[in-house]
């Protein structure tokens, strides 16, 4: 029995805001312990504040991304990474003119039931 799995067809999460989410591992692969996703946030994209019940690691591959974390604004660029711990109030956005490509890793796996987005 093989001790590895290859992901050739990540799950593309349907969105209405122009953001690309390709979940390679996570709830879409019956793994609730971790999610790993390739993301592309288009220019001038943002989402509502949220208070997730998971830790989220982000690695910026290209472009810039803005994080509003418990009232503090942090901007990351290519090659930088961040851990936003569960329970933090956070808002993710790309108020810049270029797309932001990044990898997001959530522990436990991202779930809409655990994200606690504000209306």
Protein backbone atom coordinates (compact mmCIF):
# COMPACT_ATOMS: atom_id res chain seq x y z
CA UNK A 1 0.00 0.00 0.00
CA UNK A 2 1.36 3.42 -0.97
CA UNK A 3 2.25 5.88 1.76
CA UNK A 4 1.52 8.95 -0.35
CA UNK A 5 -1.26 10.64 -2.30
CA UNK A 6 -0.93 12.99 -5.24
CA UNK A 7 -3.47 15.76 -5.73
CA UNK A 8 -4.01 16.40 -9.45
CA UNK A 9 -7.44 18.01 -9.28
CA UNK A 10 -7.86 20.42 -6.37
CA UNK A 11 -11.40 21.37 -5.43
CA UNK A 12 -12.25 24.81 -6.84
CA UNK A 13 -14.41 26.53 -4.25
CA UNK A 14 -17.24 28.48 -5.89
CA UNK A 15 -17.01 32.21 -5.14
CA UNK A 16 -18.93 35.31 -6.18
CA UNK A 17 -16.19 37.88 -5.53
CA UNK A 18 -13.61 36.97 -8.18
CA UNK A 19 -11.27 35.19 -5.78
CA UNK A 20 -9.81 31.85 -6.89
CA UNK A 21 -9.68 29.17 -4.19
CA UNK A 22 -8.20 25.78 -5.07
CA UNK A 23 -8.30 23.51 -2.03
CA UNK A 24 -5.67 20.79 -2.45
CA UNK A 25 -6.25 19.16 0.93
CA UNK A 26 -8.98 19.71 3.50
CA UNK A 27 -12.64 18.98 3.99
CA UNK A 28 -12.97 18.47 0.22
CA UNK A 29 -10.60 15.48 0.56
CA UNK A 30 -12.21 14.24 3.78
CA UNK A 31 -9.41 15.66 5.93
CA UNK A 32 -10.77 17.91 8.68
CA UNK A 33 -7.37 18.28 10.42
CA UNK A 34 -5.79 20.62 7.86
CA UNK A 35 -6.60 22.52 4.71
CA UNK A 36 -4.05 23.68 2.15
CA UNK A 37 -5.24 25.98 -0.61
CA UNK A 38 -3.79 27.94 -3.51
CA UNK A 39 -5.49 31.34 -3.65
CA UNK A 40 -5.56 34.31 -6.00
CA UNK A 41 -7.11 37.51 -4.67
CA UNK A 42 -7.88 39.92 -7.52
CA UNK A 43 -7.08 43.63 -7.28
CA UNK A 44 -9.43 45.61 -5.01
CA UNK A 45 -10.84 42.42 -3.45
CA UNK A 46 -11.94 42.21 0.17
CA UNK A 47 -14.12 40.10 2.41
CA UNK A 48 -15.97 40.83 5.66
CA UNK A 49 -14.36 40.66 9.09
CA UNK A 50 -14.34 37.20 10.64
CA UNK A 51 -13.29 35.49 13.87
CA UNK A 52 -12.21 31.99 12.77
CA UNK A 53 -12.03 28.96 15.03
CA UNK A 54 -8.82 27.81 13.26
CA UNK A 55 -5.24 29.02 12.92
CA UNK A 56 -4.45 30.30 9.43
CA UNK A 57 -0.97 30.45 7.96
CA UNK A 58 -0.50 32.51 4.79
CA UNK A 59 2.52 32.51 2.48
CA UNK A 60 2.60 35.26 -0.17
CA UNK A 61 3.81 33.91 -3.52
CA UNK A 62 3.40 37.17 -5.47
CA UNK A 63 1.75 40.54 -5.00
CA UNK A 64 0.67 42.02 -1.67
CA UNK A 65 -2.12 41.26 0.77
CA UNK A 66 -3.55 43.35 3.58
CA UNK A 67 -4.58 41.92 6.95
CA UNK A 68 -6.60 43.82 9.55
CA UNK A 69 -6.01 41.85 12.76
CA UNK A 70 -7.66 43.00 15.98
CA UNK A 71 -7.50 46.60 14.72
CA UNK A 72 -3.90 46.49 13.44
CA UNK A 73 -3.15 46.72 9.71
CA UNK A 74 -0.41 44.43 8.36
CA UNK A 75 0.69 44.32 4.72
CA UNK A 76 2.67 41.34 3.45
CA UNK A 77 4.63 41.04 0.22
CA UNK A 78 6.10 38.23 -1.86
CA UNK A 79 8.18 35.83 0.23
CA UNK A 80 6.63 36.83 3.56
CA UNK A 81 4.29 34.78 5.73
CA UNK A 82 2.03 35.20 8.73
CA UNK A 83 0.14 33.14 11.29
CA UNK A 84 -3.23 34.52 12.35
CA UNK A 85 -4.29 32.61 15.44
CA UNK A 86 -7.83 31.35 15.97
CA UNK A 87 -10.05 33.78 17.81
CA UNK A 88 -8.47 36.88 16.24
CA UNK A 89 -10.86 39.25 14.49
CA UNK A 90 -9.43 39.50 10.98
CA UNK A 91 -10.30 41.02 7.62
CA UNK A 92 -8.43 39.95 4.50
CA UNK A 93 -8.15 42.21 1.46
CA UNK A 94 -6.14 43.13 -1.60
CA UNK A 95 -6.59 46.92 -2.02
CA UNK A 96 -3.69 46.95 -4.49
CA UNK A 97 -3.61 47.10 -8.29
CA UNK A 98 -2.05 43.64 -8.86
CA UNK A 99 -3.44 40.18 -8.01
CA UNK A 100 -2.11 38.49 -4.89
CA UNK A 101 -1.17 34.81 -5.18
CA UNK A 102 -0.79 32.99 -1.89
CA UNK A 103 -0.98 29.66 -0.09
CA UNK A 104 -3.31 29.35 2.90
CA UNK A 105 -2.99 26.57 5.48
CA UNK A 106 -5.69 26.20 8.15
CA UNK A 107 -5.54 24.06 11.29
CA UNK A 108 -8.08 22.53 11.68
CA UNK A 109 -9.34 22.61 8.10
CA UNK A 110 -11.23 25.64 6.82
CA UNK A 111 -14.97 25.24 7.16
CA UNK A 112 -17.65 27.86 6.59
CA UNK A 113 -19.08 26.69 9.94
CA UNK A 114 -15.83 27.70 11.71
CA UNK A 115 -15.08 31.02 9.97
CA UNK A 116 -17.68 33.22 11.77
CA UNK A 117 -17.94 35.90 9.06
CA UNK A 118 -19.65 39.13 10.01
CA UNK A 119 -22.55 40.33 7.88
